[in-house]
């Protein structure tokens, strides 16, 4: 197999920092979408490269070679390449296991069932839990059903009417914009390549900022949103709720002082440097994609050659 198979495995160490840098130069909505898209593309390419390496190594096994009707002796890979490919086999198993764990963690159906039996009251898309602790989060719905906003009675008592409206608008924005799917994409990409783990935190921050801006547009007062975010975070810190699922977006999540500072400043705009950083990021992704296609074609050609000699 050619050198090309290594590009998708090495370039994410550059792609992830470049994506994080570009996200800081964009408004929250395009920043979050960019991070999720880059994580998805880089993750899929890295996963494909790992699978190609593992496949190239497995083809040297007599049993696999016999089932594929090919001659392993005619496969051009040397012992170093075969050894590295063999190391990719358990890597594929670890990737699959991590992906299954991630999917189960994001599957929140059990929480819907638990909340239905908890001491609570519901009005529309808002479920109020009888909990003295302060918390609020967006709980995505099951397939075909809308999500709900979960808020504790303790949180509602600590906010005034305007701040409650901000809190609900923020959580509804998470549901309407499907931020849980962006988080799932980032978490799955992190399973495919360790460098992409660095995208999860900035993506979560940009999703919170996106929801903050949506709430500001809904209530028409950025300073009010900043105040509500700060008071909700203080309330949650002083009286944490008994339980919160880990795979949901909460209004008190992320670096709250940075979020408040952004709300007290004018709305973010695209910065001049974004074009250059974006061009560099696009080039990195194109090189990875081209290398993956080349490595795939190279492996296919090697298999055909070995199969032709075995006939």
C-alpha atoms as a PDB file:
ATOM      1  CA  UNK A   1       0.000   0.000   0.000  1.00  0.00           C
ATOM      2  CA  UNK A   2       1.279   3.478  -0.840  1.00  0.00           C
ATOM      3  CA  UNK A   3       2.256   6.275   1.511  1.00  0.00           C
ATOM      4  CA  UNK A   4      -1.143   7.864   0.832  1.00  0.00           C
ATOM      5  CA  UNK A   5      -2.853   5.742   3.483  1.00  0.00           C
ATOM      6  CA  UNK A   6      -0.933   7.603   6.201  1.00  0.00           C
ATOM      7  CA  UNK A   7      -2.111  11.093   5.241  1.00  0.00           C
ATOM      8  CA  UNK A   8      -5.647  10.723   6.710  1.00  0.00           C
ATOM      9  CA  UNK A   9      -4.088   9.395   9.920  1.00  0.00           C
ATOM     10  CA  UNK A  10      -1.495  12.148  10.326  1.00  0.00           C
ATOM     11  CA  UNK A  11      -3.295  15.237   9.037  1.00  0.00           C
ATOM     12  CA  UNK A  12      -6.020  15.312  11.758  1.00  0.00           C
ATOM     13  CA  UNK A  13      -3.304  16.479  14.177  1.00  0.00           C
ATOM     14  CA  UNK A  14      -3.189  19.628  12.017  1.00  0.00           C
ATOM     15  CA  UNK A  15      -6.806  19.694  10.859  1.00  0.00           C
ATOM     16  CA  UNK A  16      -8.314  19.762  14.363  1.00  0.00           C
ATOM     17  CA  UNK A  17      -6.310  22.809  15.564  1.00  0.00           C
ATOM     18  CA  UNK A  18      -7.026  24.578  12.264  1.00  0.00           C
ATOM     19  CA  UNK A  19     -10.760  23.948  12.673  1.00  0.00           C
ATOM     20  CA  UNK A  20     -10.666  25.227  16.252  1.00  0.00           C
ATOM     21  CA  UNK A  21      -8.822  28.343  15.121  1.00  0.00           C
ATOM     22  CA  UNK A  22     -11.281  29.011  12.313  1.00  0.00           C
ATOM     23  CA  UNK A  23     -14.219  28.583  14.704  1.00  0.00           C
ATOM     24  CA  UNK A  24     -12.922  31.480  16.817  1.00  0.00           C
ATOM     25  CA  UNK A  25     -13.089  33.715  13.722  1.00  0.00           C
ATOM     26  CA  UNK A  26     -16.740  32.960  12.929  1.00  0.00           C
ATOM     27  CA  UNK A  27     -20.129  33.646  14.534  1.00  0.00           C
ATOM     28  CA  UNK A  28     -21.446  30.794  16.708  1.00  0.00           C
ATOM     29  CA  UNK A  29     -23.786  29.123  14.221  1.00  0.00           C
ATOM     30  CA  UNK A  30     -21.312  28.688  11.325  1.00  0.00           C
ATOM     31  CA  UNK A  31     -18.558  27.910  13.845  1.00  0.00           C
ATOM     32  CA  UNK A  32     -20.519  25.003  15.341  1.00  0.00           C
ATOM     33  CA  UNK A  33     -21.499  23.657  11.924  1.00  0.00           C
ATOM     34  CA  UNK A  34     -17.910  23.958  10.700  1.00  0.00           C
ATOM     35  CA  UNK A  35     -16.518  22.043  13.673  1.00  0.00           C
ATOM     36  CA  UNK A  36     -19.055  19.249  13.280  1.00  0.00           C
ATOM     37  CA  UNK A  37     -18.459  18.998   9.531  1.00  0.00           C
ATOM     38  CA  UNK A  38     -14.670  18.935   9.868  1.00  0.00           C
ATOM     39  CA  UNK A  39     -14.883  16.334  12.622  1.00  0.00           C
ATOM     40  CA  UNK A  40     -17.142  14.166  10.479  1.00  0.00           C
ATOM     41  CA  UNK A  41     -14.983  14.376   7.344  1.00  0.00           C
ATOM     42  CA  UNK A  42     -11.656  13.916   9.111  1.00  0.00           C
ATOM     43  CA  UNK A  43     -13.067  11.112  11.251  1.00  0.00           C
ATOM     44  CA  UNK A  44     -14.514   9.168   8.324  1.00  0.00           C
ATOM     45  CA  UNK A  45     -11.274   9.510   6.349  1.00  0.00           C
ATOM     46  CA  UNK A  46      -9.168   8.407   9.319  1.00  0.00           C
ATOM     47  CA  UNK A  47     -11.474   5.467   9.944  1.00  0.00           C
ATOM     48  CA  UNK A  48     -11.263   4.463   6.282  1.00  0.00           C
ATOM     49  CA  UNK A  49      -7.461   4.617   6.380  1.00  0.00           C
ATOM     50  CA  UNK A  50      -7.385   2.438   9.494  1.00  0.00           C
ATOM     51  CA  UNK A  51      -9.667  -0.071   7.804  1.00  0.00           C
ATOM     52  CA  UNK A  52      -7.451  -0.101   4.697  1.00  0.00           C
ATOM     53  CA  UNK A  53      -4.378  -0.831   6.793  1.00  0.00           C
ATOM     54  CA  UNK A  54      -6.149  -3.611   8.642  1.00  0.00           C
ATOM     55  CA  UNK A  55      -7.481  -5.104   5.406  1.00  0.00           C
ATOM     56  CA  UNK A  56      -4.026  -5.079   3.834  1.00  0.00           C
ATOM     57  CA  UNK A  57      -2.645  -7.003   6.796  1.00  0.00           C
ATOM     58  CA  UNK A  58      -5.507  -9.508   6.965  1.00  0.00           C
ATOM     59  CA  UNK A  59      -5.069 -10.358   3.289  1.00  0.00           C
ATOM     60  CA  UNK A  60      -1.696 -11.941   4.166  1.00  0.00           C
ATOM     61  CA  UNK A  61      -3.392 -14.512   6.371  1.00  0.00           C
ATOM     62  CA  UNK A  62      -3.665 -17.841   4.537  1.00  0.00           C
ATOM     63  CA  UNK A  63      -7.326 -18.332   5.450  1.00  0.00           C
ATOM     64  CA  UNK A  64      -8.315 -14.845   4.248  1.00  0.00           C
ATOM     65  CA  UNK A  65      -6.174 -15.168   1.129  1.00  0.00           C
ATOM     66  CA  UNK A  66      -7.757 -18.507   0.288  1.00  0.00           C
ATOM     67  CA  UNK A  67     -11.279 -17.141   0.701  1.00  0.00           C
ATOM     68  CA  UNK A  68     -10.374 -14.246  -1.590  1.00  0.00           C
ATOM     69  CA  UNK A  69      -8.665 -16.509  -4.122  1.00  0.00           C
ATOM     70  CA  UNK A  70      -5.409 -14.571  -4.093  1.00  0.00           C
ATOM     71  CA  UNK A  71      -1.725 -15.225  -3.586  1.00  0.00           C
ATOM     72  CA  UNK A  72      -0.425 -13.389  -0.468  1.00  0.00           C
ATOM     73  CA  UNK A  73       3.169 -13.732  -1.688  1.00  0.00           C
ATOM     74  CA  UNK A  74       2.365 -11.376  -4.567  1.00  0.00           C
ATOM     75  CA  UNK A  75       0.975  -8.618  -2.355  1.00  0.00           C
ATOM     76  CA  UNK A  76       3.621  -5.868  -2.503  1.00  0.00           C
ATOM     77  CA  UNK A  77       3.470  -4.801   1.164  1.00  0.00           C
ATOM     78  CA  UNK A  78       6.701  -5.371   3.094  1.00  0.00           C
ATOM     79  CA  UNK A  79       7.010  -6.711   6.646  1.00  0.00           C
ATOM     80  CA  UNK A  80       6.904  -3.212   8.169  1.00  0.00           C
ATOM     81  CA  UNK A  81       3.668  -2.356   6.414  1.00  0.00           C
ATOM     82  CA  UNK A  82       2.171  -5.706   7.352  1.00  0.00           C
ATOM     83  CA  UNK A  83       3.169  -5.218  10.984  1.00  0.00           C
ATOM     84  CA  UNK A  84       1.608  -1.769  11.127  1.00  0.00           C
ATOM     85  CA  UNK A  85      -1.473  -3.083   9.395  1.00  0.00           C
ATOM     86  CA  UNK A  86      -1.735  -5.857  11.961  1.00  0.00           C
ATOM     87  CA  UNK A  87      -1.707  -3.216  14.694  1.00  0.00           C
ATOM     88  CA  UNK A  88      -4.625  -1.544  12.924  1.00  0.00           C
ATOM     89  CA  UNK A  89      -6.792  -4.648  13.353  1.00  0.00           C
ATOM     90  CA  UNK A  90      -7.266  -4.252  17.144  1.00  0.00           C
ATOM     91  CA  UNK A  91      -7.527  -0.522  16.465  1.00  0.00           C
ATOM     92  CA  UNK A  92     -10.620  -1.191  14.353  1.00  0.00           C
ATOM     93  CA  UNK A  93     -12.084  -3.269  17.177  1.00  0.00           C
ATOM     94  CA  UNK A  94     -11.453  -0.478  19.692  1.00  0.00           C
ATOM     95  CA  UNK A  95     -13.019   2.072  17.345  1.00  0.00           C
ATOM     96  CA  UNK A  96     -16.141  -0.055  16.940  1.00  0.00           C
ATOM     97  CA  UNK A  97     -16.416  -0.619  20.700  1.00  0.00           C
ATOM     98  CA  UNK A  98     -15.998   3.084  21.462  1.00  0.00           C
ATOM     99  CA  UNK A  99     -18.625   3.973  18.858  1.00  0.00           C
ATOM    100  CA  UNK A 100     -21.136   1.565  20.410  1.00  0.00           C
ATOM    101  CA  UNK A 101     -20.526   3.029  23.879  1.00  0.00           C
ATOM    102  CA  UNK A 102     -20.936   6.552  22.488  1.00  0.00           C
ATOM    103  CA  UNK A 103     -24.210   5.704  20.754  1.00  0.00           C
ATOM    104  CA  UNK A 104     -25.562   4.144  23.941  1.00  0.00           C
ATOM    105  CA  UNK A 105     -24.574   7.217  25.957  1.00  0.00           C
ATOM    106  CA  UNK A 106     -26.451   9.476  23.547  1.00  0.00           C
ATOM    107  CA  UNK A 107     -29.516   7.249  23.618  1.00  0.00           C
ATOM    108  CA  UNK A 108     -31.791   8.964  26.124  1.00  0.00           C
ATOM    109  CA  UNK A 109     -34.982   6.929  25.880  1.00  0.00           C
ATOM    110  CA  UNK A 110     -34.540   5.530  29.389  1.00  0.00           C
ATOM    111  CA  UNK A 111     -34.432   9.074  30.754  1.00  0.00           C
ATOM    112  CA  UNK A 112     -37.810   9.907  29.208  1.00  0.00           C
ATOM    113  CA  UNK A 113     -39.272   6.909  31.019  1.00  0.00           C
ATOM    114  CA  UNK A 114     -37.702   7.925  34.335  1.00  0.00           C
ATOM    115  CA  UNK A 115     -38.937  11.509  34.059  1.00  0.00           C
ATOM    116  CA  UNK A 116     -42.449  10.328  33.295  1.00  0.00           C
ATOM    117  CA  UNK A 117     -42.524   8.627  36.685  1.00  0.00           C
ATOM    118  CA  UNK A 118     -40.831  11.456  38.605  1.00  0.00           C
ATOM    119  CA  UNK A 119     -42.642  14.094  40.631  1.00  0.00           C
ATOM    120  CA  UNK A 120     -43.151  16.698  37.935  1.00  0.00           C
ATOM    121  CA  UNK A 121     -45.613  18.854  36.036  1.00  0.00           C
ATOM    122  CA  UNK A 122     -45.698  19.572  32.328  1.00  0.00           C
ATOM    123  CA  UNK A 123     -46.918  22.527  30.315  1.00  0.00           C
ATOM    124  CA  UNK A 124     -46.410  22.197  26.578  1.00  0.00           C
ATOM    125  CA  UNK A 125     -42.783  21.421  25.852  1.00  0.00           C
ATOM    126  CA  UNK A 126     -41.619  22.287  29.387  1.00  0.00           C
ATOM    127  CA  UNK A 127     -41.299  19.677  32.131  1.00  0.00           C
ATOM    128  CA  UNK A 128     -40.807  21.033  35.653  1.00  0.00           C
ATOM    129  CA  UNK A 129     -39.143  18.624  38.079  1.00  0.00           C
ATOM    130  CA  UNK A 130     -39.856  18.898  41.790  1.00  0.00           C
ATOM    131  CA  UNK A 131     -36.216  19.350  42.779  1.00  0.00           C
ATOM    132  CA  UNK A 132     -34.776  22.011  45.093  1.00  0.00           C
ATOM    133  CA  UNK A 133     -31.561  21.912  43.069  1.00  0.00           C
ATOM    134  CA  UNK A 134     -31.152  24.358  40.184  1.00  0.00           C
ATOM    135  CA  UNK A 135     -30.855  22.899  36.695  1.00  0.00           C
ATOM    136  CA  UNK A 136     -32.276  23.162  33.187  1.00  0.00           C
ATOM    137  CA  UNK A 137     -31.477  21.243  30.041  1.00  0.00           C
ATOM    138  CA  UNK A 138     -32.823  20.271  26.628  1.00  0.00           C
ATOM    139  CA  UNK A 139     -33.813  16.620  26.296  1.00  0.00           C
ATOM    140  CA  UNK A 140     -34.012  15.493  22.651  1.00  0.00           C
ATOM    141  CA  UNK A 141     -37.105  13.562  21.672  1.00  0.00           C
ATOM    142  CA  UNK A 142     -37.435  10.028  20.459  1.00  0.00           C
ATOM    143  CA  UNK A 143     -37.699   9.469  16.676  1.00  0.00           C
ATOM    144  CA  UNK A 144     -40.920  11.078  15.509  1.00  0.00           C
ATOM    145  CA  UNK A 145     -41.471  12.944  18.778  1.00  0.00           C
ATOM    146  CA  UNK A 146     -40.465  16.451  19.798  1.00  0.00           C
ATOM    147  CA  UNK A 147     -37.965  17.048  22.570  1.00  0.00           C
ATOM    148  CA  UNK A 148     -38.720  18.759  25.850  1.00  0.00           C
ATOM    149  CA  UNK A 149     -37.134  21.370  28.076  1.00  0.00           C
ATOM    150  CA  UNK A 150     -36.502  20.037  31.576  1.00  0.00           C
ATOM    151  CA  UNK A 151     -36.181  22.574  34.381  1.00  0.00           C
ATOM    152  CA  UNK A 152     -36.214  22.118  38.126  1.00  0.00           C
ATOM    153  CA  UNK A 153     -38.494  24.014  40.470  1.00  0.00           C
ATOM    154  CA  UNK A 154     -35.374  25.157  42.311  1.00  0.00           C
ATOM    155  CA  UNK A 155     -34.071  26.882  39.179  1.00  0.00           C
ATOM    156  CA  UNK A 156     -37.403  28.593  38.496  1.00  0.00           C
ATOM    157  CA  UNK A 157     -37.532  29.979  42.036  1.00  0.00           C
ATOM    158  CA  UNK A 158     -34.102  31.576  41.639  1.00  0.00           C
ATOM    159  CA  UNK A 159     -34.933  33.473  38.418  1.00  0.00           C
ATOM    160  CA  UNK A 160     -37.384  36.263  37.718  1.00  0.00           C
ATOM    161  CA  UNK A 161     -39.961  36.119  34.915  1.00  0.00           C
ATOM    162  CA  UNK A 162     -37.701  37.674  32.270  1.00  0.00           C
ATOM    163  CA  UNK A 163     -34.809  35.393  33.143  1.00  0.00           C
ATOM    164  CA  UNK A 164     -37.073  32.351  32.982  1.00  0.00           C
ATOM    165  CA  UNK A 165     -38.124  33.376  29.474  1.00  0.00           C
ATOM    166  CA  UNK A 166     -34.448  33.573  28.482  1.00  0.00           C
ATOM    167  CA  UNK A 167     -33.730  30.174  29.997  1.00  0.00           C
ATOM    168  CA  UNK A 168     -36.580  28.516  28.102  1.00  0.00           C
ATOM    169  CA  UNK A 169     -35.649  30.263  24.840  1.00  0.00           C
ATOM    170  CA  UNK A 170     -32.061  29.063  25.216  1.00  0.00           C
ATOM    171  CA  UNK A 171     -33.044  25.429  25.746  1.00  0.00           C
ATOM    172  CA  UNK A 172     -35.633  25.517  22.963  1.00  0.00           C
ATOM    173  CA  UNK A 173     -32.907  26.743  20.618  1.00  0.00           C
ATOM    174  CA  UNK A 174     -30.857  23.640  21.448  1.00  0.00           C
ATOM    175  CA  UNK A 175     -33.808  21.470  20.452  1.00  0.00           C
ATOM    176  CA  UNK A 176     -34.777  23.426  17.342  1.00  0.00           C
ATOM    177  CA  UNK A 177     -31.202  23.484  16.027  1.00  0.00           C
ATOM    178  CA  UNK A 178     -30.597  19.784  16.811  1.00  0.00           C
ATOM    179  CA  UNK A 179     -27.417  20.480  18.746  1.00  0.00           C
ATOM    180  CA  UNK A 180     -27.487  16.968  20.188  1.00  0.00           C
ATOM    181  CA  UNK A 181     -26.785  15.623  16.691  1.00  0.00           C
ATOM    182  CA  UNK A 182     -23.752  17.890  16.329  1.00  0.00           C
ATOM    183  CA  UNK A 183     -22.473  16.618  19.672  1.00  0.00           C
ATOM    184  CA  UNK A 184     -23.024  13.021  18.551  1.00  0.00           C
ATOM    185  CA  UNK A 185     -21.044  13.648  15.352  1.00  0.00           C
ATOM    186  CA  UNK A 186     -18.139  15.106  17.339  1.00  0.00           C
ATOM    187  CA  UNK A 187     -18.143  12.232  19.825  1.00  0.00           C
ATOM    188  CA  UNK A 188     -18.186   9.594  17.074  1.00  0.00           C
ATOM    189  CA  UNK A 189     -15.378  11.392  15.243  1.00  0.00           C
ATOM    190  CA  UNK A 190     -13.348  11.310  18.458  1.00  0.00           C
ATOM    191  CA  UNK A 191     -13.761   7.521  18.435  1.00  0.00           C
ATOM    192  CA  UNK A 192     -12.243   7.389  14.954  1.00  0.00           C
ATOM    193  CA  UNK A 193      -9.144   9.482  15.686  1.00  0.00           C
ATOM    194  CA  UNK A 194      -7.730  10.766  19.008  1.00  0.00           C
ATOM    195  CA  UNK A 195      -6.789  14.169  17.564  1.00  0.00           C
ATOM    196  CA  UNK A 196     -10.479  14.904  16.952  1.00  0.00           C
ATOM    197  CA  UNK A 197     -11.243  14.759  20.673  1.00  0.00           C
ATOM    198  CA  UNK A 198     -10.065  18.351  20.788  1.00  0.00           C
ATOM    199  CA  UNK A 199     -13.081  19.419  18.733  1.00  0.00           C
ATOM    200  CA  UNK A 200     -15.722  18.328  21.236  1.00  0.00           C
ATOM    201  CA  UNK A 201     -15.210  21.110  23.799  1.00  0.00           C
ATOM    202  CA  UNK A 202     -15.116  24.046  21.342  1.00  0.00           C
ATOM    203  CA  UNK A 203     -18.140  22.597  19.551  1.00  0.00           C
ATOM    204  CA  UNK A 204     -20.071  22.450  22.830  1.00  0.00           C
ATOM    205  CA  UNK A 205     -19.085  26.060  23.546  1.00  0.00           C
ATOM    206  CA  UNK A 206     -20.169  27.268  20.100  1.00  0.00           C
ATOM    207  CA  UNK A 207     -23.479  25.421  20.484  1.00  0.00           C
ATOM    208  CA  UNK A 208     -24.071  27.222  23.785  1.00  0.00           C
ATOM    209  CA  UNK A 209     -23.191  30.539  22.158  1.00  0.00           C
ATOM    210  CA  UNK A 210     -25.538  29.711  19.271  1.00  0.00           C
ATOM    211  CA  UNK A 211     -28.362  29.094  21.760  1.00  0.00           C
ATOM    212  CA  UNK A 212     -27.451  32.306  23.629  1.00  0.00           C
ATOM    213  CA  UNK A 213     -27.752  34.304  20.412  1.00  0.00           C
ATOM    214  CA  UNK A 214     -31.058  32.622  19.577  1.00  0.00           C
ATOM    215  CA  UNK A 215     -32.364  33.532  23.030  1.00  0.00           C
ATOM    216  CA  UNK A 216     -31.164  37.121  22.567  1.00  0.00           C
ATOM    217  CA  UNK A 217     -33.037  37.311  19.261  1.00  0.00           C
ATOM    218  CA  UNK A 218     -36.156  35.883  20.912  1.00  0.00           C
ATOM    219  CA  UNK A 219     -36.243  38.313  23.867  1.00  0.00           C
ATOM    220  CA  UNK A 220     -34.594  41.257  22.122  1.00  0.00           C
ATOM    221  CA  UNK A 221     -32.122  42.072  24.907  1.00  0.00           C
ATOM    222  CA  UNK A 222     -28.550  40.776  24.923  1.00  0.00           C
ATOM    223  CA  UNK A 223     -27.816  42.186  28.385  1.00  0.00           C
ATOM    224  CA  UNK A 224     -30.841  40.379  29.799  1.00  0.00           C
ATOM    225  CA  UNK A 225     -29.580  37.100  28.315  1.00  0.00           C
ATOM    226  CA  UNK A 226     -26.121  37.676  29.817  1.00  0.00           C
ATOM    227  CA  UNK A 227     -27.693  38.332  33.214  1.00  0.00           C
ATOM    228  CA  UNK A 228     -29.925  35.255  32.983  1.00  0.00           C
ATOM    229  CA  UNK A 229     -27.013  33.014  31.973  1.00  0.00           C
ATOM    230  CA  UNK A 230     -24.931  34.307  34.873  1.00  0.00           C
ATOM    231  CA  UNK A 231     -27.684  33.941  37.456  1.00  0.00           C
ATOM    232  CA  UNK A 232     -28.611  30.455  36.253  1.00  0.00           C
ATOM    233  CA  UNK A 233     -24.963  29.359  36.457  1.00  0.00           C
ATOM    234  CA  UNK A 234     -24.613  30.757  39.975  1.00  0.00           C
ATOM    235  CA  UNK A 235     -27.819  29.043  41.044  1.00  0.00           C
ATOM    236  CA  UNK A 236     -26.699  25.702  39.620  1.00  0.00           C
ATOM    237  CA  UNK A 237     -23.330  26.047  41.326  1.00  0.00           C
ATOM    238  CA  UNK A 238     -24.846  26.906  44.707  1.00  0.00           C
ATOM    239  CA  UNK A 239     -27.540  24.217  44.599  1.00  0.00           C
ATOM    240  CA  UNK A 240     -26.763  21.500  42.033  1.00  0.00           C
ATOM    241  CA  UNK A 241     -29.577  19.193  41.008  1.00  0.00           C
ATOM    242  CA  UNK A 242     -29.525  15.565  42.053  1.00  0.00           C
ATOM    243  CA  UNK A 243     -28.925  14.270  38.539  1.00  0.00           C
ATOM    244  CA  UNK A 244     -28.318  15.485  35.017  1.00  0.00           C
ATOM    245  CA  UNK A 245     -27.719  13.251  31.962  1.00  0.00           C
ATOM    246  CA  UNK A 246     -24.311  13.756  30.407  1.00  0.00           C
ATOM    247  CA  UNK A 247     -25.380  13.884  26.742  1.00  0.00           C
ATOM    248  CA  UNK A 248     -27.668  16.932  26.936  1.00  0.00           C
ATOM    249  CA  UNK A 249     -27.132  20.672  26.560  1.00  0.00           C
ATOM    250  CA  UNK A 250     -27.690  22.783  29.656  1.00  0.00           C
ATOM    251  CA  UNK A 251     -27.923  26.568  29.908  1.00  0.00           C
ATOM    252  CA  UNK A 252     -25.283  26.600  32.659  1.00  0.00           C
ATOM    253  CA  UNK A 253     -22.710  24.598  30.677  1.00  0.00           C
ATOM    254  CA  UNK A 254     -19.430  25.800  29.219  1.00  0.00           C
ATOM    255  CA  UNK A 255     -17.276  28.782  30.213  1.00  0.00           C
ATOM    256  CA  UNK A 256     -20.065  31.069  31.420  1.00  0.00           C
ATOM    257  CA  UNK A 257     -17.874  34.227  31.807  1.00  0.00           C
ATOM    258  CA  UNK A 258     -16.853  33.983  28.134  1.00  0.00           C
ATOM    259  CA  UNK A 259     -20.464  33.540  27.102  1.00  0.00           C
ATOM    260  CA  UNK A 260     -21.533  36.569  29.138  1.00  0.00           C
ATOM    261  CA  UNK A 261     -18.699  38.685  27.720  1.00  0.00           C
ATOM    262  CA  UNK A 262     -19.759  37.756  24.180  1.00  0.00           C
ATOM    263  CA  UNK A 263     -23.362  38.715  24.926  1.00  0.00           C
ATOM    264  CA  UNK A 264     -22.334  42.077  26.366  1.00  0.00           C
ATOM    265  CA  UNK A 265     -20.345  42.816  23.187  1.00  0.00           C
ATOM    266  CA  UNK A 266     -21.813  43.464  19.723  1.00  0.00           C
ATOM    267  CA  UNK A 267     -22.873  40.358  17.769  1.00  0.00           C
ATOM    268  CA  UNK A 268     -19.902  38.466  16.353  1.00  0.00           C
ATOM    269  CA  UNK A 269     -19.013  38.810  12.684  1.00  0.00           C
ATOM    270  CA  UNK A 270     -16.689  36.937  10.355  1.00  0.00           C
ATOM    271  CA  UNK A 271     -13.129  38.163  10.912  1.00  0.00           C
ATOM    272  CA  UNK A 272     -10.777  38.950   8.009  1.00  0.00           C
ATOM    273  CA  UNK A 273      -8.359  36.108   8.764  1.00  0.00           C
ATOM    274  CA  UNK A 274     -11.146  33.527   8.423  1.00  0.00           C
ATOM    275  CA  UNK A 275     -10.705  33.252   4.657  1.00  0.00           C
ATOM    276  CA  UNK A 276      -7.043  32.260   4.861  1.00  0.00           C
ATOM    277  CA  UNK A 277      -7.542  29.793   7.689  1.00  0.00           C
ATOM    278  CA  UNK A 278     -10.551  28.332   5.905  1.00  0.00           C
ATOM    279  CA  UNK A 279      -8.573  27.865   2.695  1.00  0.00           C
ATOM    280  CA  UNK A 280      -5.816  26.052   4.579  1.00  0.00           C
ATOM    281  CA  UNK A 281      -8.349  23.825   6.345  1.00  0.00           C
ATOM    282  CA  UNK A 282     -10.041  22.983   3.056  1.00  0.00           C
ATOM    283  CA  UNK A 283      -6.681  22.072   1.538  1.00  0.00           C
ATOM    284  CA  UNK A 284      -5.936  19.699   4.431  1.00  0.00           C
ATOM    285  CA  UNK A 285      -9.282  17.941   4.019  1.00  0.00           C
ATOM    286  CA  UNK A 286      -8.837  17.678   0.245  1.00  0.00           C
ATOM    287  CA  UNK A 287      -5.378  16.148   0.663  1.00  0.00           C
ATOM    288  CA  UNK A 288      -6.780  13.610   3.135  1.00  0.00           C
ATOM    289  CA  UNK A 289      -9.674  12.732   0.839  1.00  0.00           C
ATOM    290  CA  UNK A 290      -7.432  12.408  -2.219  1.00  0.00           C
ATOM    291  CA  UNK A 291      -4.968  10.250  -0.303  1.00  0.00           C
ATOM    292  CA  UNK A 292      -7.771   7.967   0.910  1.00  0.00           C
ATOM    293  CA  UNK A 293      -9.068   7.497  -2.630  1.00  0.00           C
ATOM    294  CA  UNK A 294      -5.547   6.765  -3.870  1.00  0.00           C
ATOM    295  CA  UNK A 295      -4.893   4.248  -1.081  1.00  0.00           C
ATOM    296  CA  UNK A 296      -8.213   2.531  -1.768  1.00  0.00           C
ATOM    297  CA  UNK A 297      -7.416   2.242  -5.466  1.00  0.00           C
ATOM    298  CA  UNK A 298      -3.924   0.972  -4.683  1.00  0.00           C
ATOM    299  CA  UNK A 299      -5.270  -1.774  -2.403  1.00  0.00           C
ATOM    300  CA  UNK A 300      -7.848  -2.777  -5.005  1.00  0.00           C
ATOM    301  CA  UNK A 301      -5.161  -3.000  -7.671  1.00  0.00           C
ATOM    302  CA  UNK A 302      -2.960  -5.125  -5.405  1.00  0.00           C
ATOM    303  CA  UNK A 303      -5.831  -7.508  -4.736  1.00  0.00           C
ATOM    304  CA  UNK A 304      -6.600  -7.891  -8.430  1.00  0.00           C
ATOM    305  CA  UNK A 305      -2.937  -8.575  -9.178  1.00  0.00           C
ATOM    306  CA  UNK A 306      -2.714 -11.230  -6.450  1.00  0.00           C
ATOM    307  CA  UNK A 307      -5.992 -12.790  -7.585  1.00  0.00           C
ATOM    308  CA  UNK A 308      -4.843 -12.920 -11.221  1.00  0.00           C
ATOM    309  CA  UNK A 309      -1.628 -14.713 -10.262  1.00  0.00           C
ATOM    310  CA  UNK A 310      -3.497 -17.233  -8.152  1.00  0.00           C
ATOM    311  CA  UNK A 311      -5.742 -18.331 -11.056  1.00  0.00           C
END
